[in-house]
Amino acid sequence: MSLVSVPDAALDPHRFRSSVSRFATGIAIVSCFDEQGQPHGMTISSFTSISLEPPTVLVSLRPGRTHDRIRRQGRYGVSILGTEHESWSRHFSGHPQPGLAPVWDTAAHVPVLRDALAWFECQVDELLQVHDHTLFVARVTACGHTGGAPLMFFASGYHRALDHSPISQDRRA
């Protein structure tokens, strides 16, 4: 690994993207209703839990339809994808998958994908503008999960856990 210090103004965006892609993330679908009351979703990897008391998460979105709808509605759903959901990720990232018909459930106020590894219903508490993205900080009002292994994104590609047993257990639970 070579460490090269460069001034901020000279940072190559491709180098940054390639470097940040080395952080493995889960893949999720952020969802809301469109103007006709139909479920609308978008693939994201920028989802994180930020507090347990109260349960709080955030998603980071660039301006667009999903961003505008969530900003207007003040709510969003998040569906965490399992290894069998790569087609959902592609579908909701602008590459429609022929014959794919995702099934939605409605939590109290937002659509979430049935059979997702986990799901969250979120009420927006705060919006933070950070350069070209908005952070939607939200309180979790409902959630659930099932068994399975996560679909992951690393180095600009999909990956599946070969063995999803934990390396160590969190003994606080």
Protein backbone atom coordinates (compact mmCIF):
# COMPACT_ATOMS: atom_id res chain seq x y z
CA MET A 1 0.00 0.00 0.00
CA SER A 2 1.37 3.40 -0.92
CA LEU A 3 0.51 6.43 1.16
CA VAL A 4 0.46 9.58 -0.92
CA SER A 5 -0.59 12.88 0.58
CA VAL A 6 -2.31 15.17 -1.89
CA PRO A 7 -4.03 18.50 -1.37
CA ASP A 8 -7.84 18.27 -1.20
CA ALA A 9 -8.28 20.15 -4.47
CA ALA A 10 -6.13 17.59 -6.30
CA LEU A 11 -7.88 14.49 -4.98
CA ASP A 12 -8.85 12.30 -7.90
CA PRO A 13 -12.56 11.37 -7.62
CA HIS A 14 -11.89 7.95 -9.19
CA ARG A 15 -9.16 7.22 -6.64
CA PHE A 16 -11.54 8.25 -3.83
CA ARG A 17 -14.36 6.06 -5.17
CA SER A 18 -12.03 3.08 -5.57
CA SER A 19 -10.61 3.57 -2.07
CA VAL A 20 -13.97 3.98 -0.34
CA SER A 21 -15.31 0.91 -2.19
CA ARG A 22 -12.95 -1.18 -0.05
CA PHE A 23 -15.35 -0.71 2.87
CA ALA A 24 -17.78 -3.63 2.66
CA THR A 25 -21.40 -2.60 3.15
CA GLY A 26 -24.75 -4.25 3.26
CA ILE A 27 -27.30 -3.38 0.61
CA ALA A 28 -30.76 -2.04 1.33
CA ILE A 29 -33.78 -0.62 -0.42
CA VAL A 30 -35.08 2.71 0.88
CA SER A 31 -38.78 3.05 0.15
CA CYS A 32 -41.75 5.36 0.31
CA PHE A 33 -45.02 5.85 -1.54
CA ASP A 34 -45.17 7.75 -4.83
CA GLU A 35 -47.77 10.38 -5.66
CA GLN A 36 -50.28 7.69 -6.70
CA GLY A 37 -49.85 5.79 -3.42
CA GLN A 38 -47.73 3.04 -5.03
CA PRO A 39 -44.53 1.71 -3.42
CA HIS A 40 -41.33 3.27 -4.73
CA GLY A 41 -37.84 2.00 -3.86
CA MET A 42 -34.20 2.81 -4.47
CA THR A 43 -31.06 0.75 -3.79
CA ILE A 44 -28.70 2.20 -1.17
CA SER A 45 -25.60 1.19 0.72
CA SER A 46 -25.55 4.30 2.91
CA PHE A 47 -27.70 3.12 5.81
CA THR A 48 -26.51 3.04 9.40
CA SER A 49 -27.77 2.73 12.93
CA ILE A 50 -26.71 5.77 14.96
CA SER A 51 -28.47 5.37 18.33
CA LEU A 52 -30.20 2.71 20.41
CA GLU A 53 -31.92 5.17 22.80
CA PRO A 54 -34.03 6.18 21.02
CA PRO A 55 -33.64 3.78 18.08
CA THR A 56 -32.29 6.03 15.32
CA VAL A 57 -30.92 5.39 11.82
CA LEU A 58 -29.91 7.45 8.84
CA VAL A 59 -29.79 7.18 5.07
CA SER A 60 -27.84 9.43 2.76
CA LEU A 61 -29.49 10.44 -0.53
CA ARG A 62 -28.65 12.71 -3.44
CA PRO A 63 -31.45 14.92 -4.77
CA GLY A 64 -33.94 13.07 -6.96
CA ARG A 65 -37.40 11.53 -6.83
CA THR A 66 -36.83 9.37 -3.76
CA HIS A 67 -35.14 12.22 -1.90
CA ASP A 68 -37.98 14.61 -2.72
CA ARG A 69 -40.72 12.15 -1.76
CA ILE A 70 -39.14 11.29 1.58
CA ARG A 71 -38.50 14.94 2.33
CA ARG A 72 -42.17 15.71 1.62
CA GLN A 73 -43.63 12.68 3.43
CA GLY A 74 -41.27 12.68 6.42
CA ARG A 75 -41.13 8.88 6.48
CA TYR A 76 -39.22 6.07 4.81
CA GLY A 77 -38.83 2.32 4.96
CA VAL A 78 -35.59 0.36 4.75
CA SER A 79 -35.41 -3.28 3.63
CA ILE A 80 -32.06 -5.04 4.20
CA LEU A 81 -31.26 -7.47 1.40
CA GLY A 82 -30.19 -11.08 1.84
CA THR A 83 -27.99 -13.14 -0.46
CA GLU A 84 -30.97 -14.16 -2.61
CA HIS A 85 -31.94 -10.54 -3.35
CA GLU A 86 -29.30 -9.39 -5.82
CA SER A 87 -32.00 -9.01 -8.50
CA TRP A 88 -33.89 -6.61 -6.17
CA SER A 89 -30.75 -4.52 -5.76
CA ARG A 90 -30.25 -4.30 -9.52
CA HIS A 91 -33.95 -3.62 -10.14
CA PHE A 92 -34.13 -0.70 -7.70
CA SER A 93 -30.85 0.78 -8.90
CA GLY A 94 -32.30 1.58 -12.32
CA HIS A 95 -31.79 -1.76 -14.06
CA PRO A 96 -35.28 -3.30 -14.25
CA GLN A 97 -35.21 -7.09 -14.00
CA PRO A 98 -37.68 -8.71 -16.43
CA GLY A 99 -40.32 -10.73 -14.62
CA LEU A 100 -39.33 -9.48 -11.17
CA ALA A 101 -42.38 -8.58 -9.11
CA PRO A 102 -41.26 -7.59 -5.62
CA VAL A 103 -43.94 -8.05 -2.99
CA TRP A 104 -44.44 -5.14 -0.63
CA ASP A 105 -45.88 -5.12 2.84
CA THR A 106 -46.95 -1.91 4.48
CA ALA A 107 -45.69 -1.36 7.97
CA ALA A 108 -47.82 1.27 9.70
CA HIS A 109 -46.97 4.03 7.20
CA VAL A 110 -44.40 2.92 4.60
CA PRO A 111 -43.82 0.04 2.19
CA VAL A 112 -41.12 -2.53 2.97
CA LEU A 113 -40.13 -5.57 0.95
CA ARG A 114 -41.60 -8.88 2.06
CA ASP A 115 -38.93 -11.51 2.72
CA ALA A 116 -36.18 -8.93 3.30
CA LEU A 117 -33.51 -9.95 5.80
CA ALA A 118 -34.65 -7.05 8.04
CA TRP A 119 -36.94 -4.05 7.70
CA PHE A 120 -37.38 -0.69 9.41
CA GLU A 121 -40.12 1.92 9.43
CA CYS A 122 -38.64 5.37 10.00
CA GLN A 123 -39.97 8.81 10.95
CA VAL A 124 -37.62 11.62 9.88
CA ASP A 125 -36.35 13.68 12.82
CA GLU A 126 -33.70 15.78 11.13
CA LEU A 127 -32.26 16.62 7.72
CA LEU A 128 -28.58 17.45 7.41
CA GLN A 129 -27.23 18.81 4.15
CA VAL A 130 -23.68 17.57 3.48
CA HIS A 131 -22.33 18.72 0.13
CA ASP A 132 -24.38 16.95 -2.59
CA HIS A 133 -26.25 14.60 -0.20
CA THR A 134 -28.93 14.93 2.45
CA LEU A 135 -28.70 12.81 5.58
CA PHE A 136 -32.18 11.73 6.64
CA VAL A 137 -31.87 11.05 10.38
CA ALA A 138 -34.93 9.13 11.54
CA ARG A 139 -36.44 7.47 14.58
CA VAL A 140 -37.31 3.80 14.03
CA THR A 141 -40.99 3.30 14.81
CA ALA A 142 -41.18 -0.41 13.86
CA CYS A 143 -38.80 -3.11 12.67
CA GLY A 144 -38.42 -6.83 12.17
CA HIS A 145 -36.03 -9.44 10.83
CA THR A 146 -35.71 -13.02 9.65
CA GLY A 147 -32.83 -15.47 9.32
CA GLY A 148 -30.35 -15.53 6.49
CA ALA A 149 -27.09 -14.10 5.25
CA PRO A 150 -26.55 -10.56 3.96
CA LEU A 151 -25.93 -9.46 0.41
CA MET A 152 -22.80 -7.32 0.49
CA PHE A 153 -21.13 -4.78 -1.75
CA PHE A 154 -17.33 -4.59 -1.85
CA ALA A 155 -14.92 -3.19 -4.45
CA SER A 156 -17.86 -2.27 -6.72
CA GLY A 157 -19.25 -5.80 -6.82
CA TYR A 158 -21.78 -8.05 -5.10
CA HIS A 159 -20.55 -10.61 -2.58
CA ARG A 160 -22.21 -13.31 -0.52
CA ALA A 161 -21.10 -14.61 2.85
CA LEU A 162 -19.84 -18.18 2.45
CA ASP A 163 -20.22 -18.84 6.16
CA HIS A 164 -22.45 -16.41 8.00
CA SER A 165 -21.72 -17.73 11.48
CA PRO A 166 -20.24 -14.97 13.65
CA ILE A 167 -16.51 -14.83 14.34
CA SER A 168 -17.33 -13.71 17.87
CA GLN A 169 -20.54 -13.00 19.76
CA ASP A 170 -21.49 -9.66 21.26
CA ARG A 171 -21.87 -10.67 24.92
CA ARG A 172 -23.81 -7.50 25.83
CA ALA A 173 -27.06 -8.86 24.37
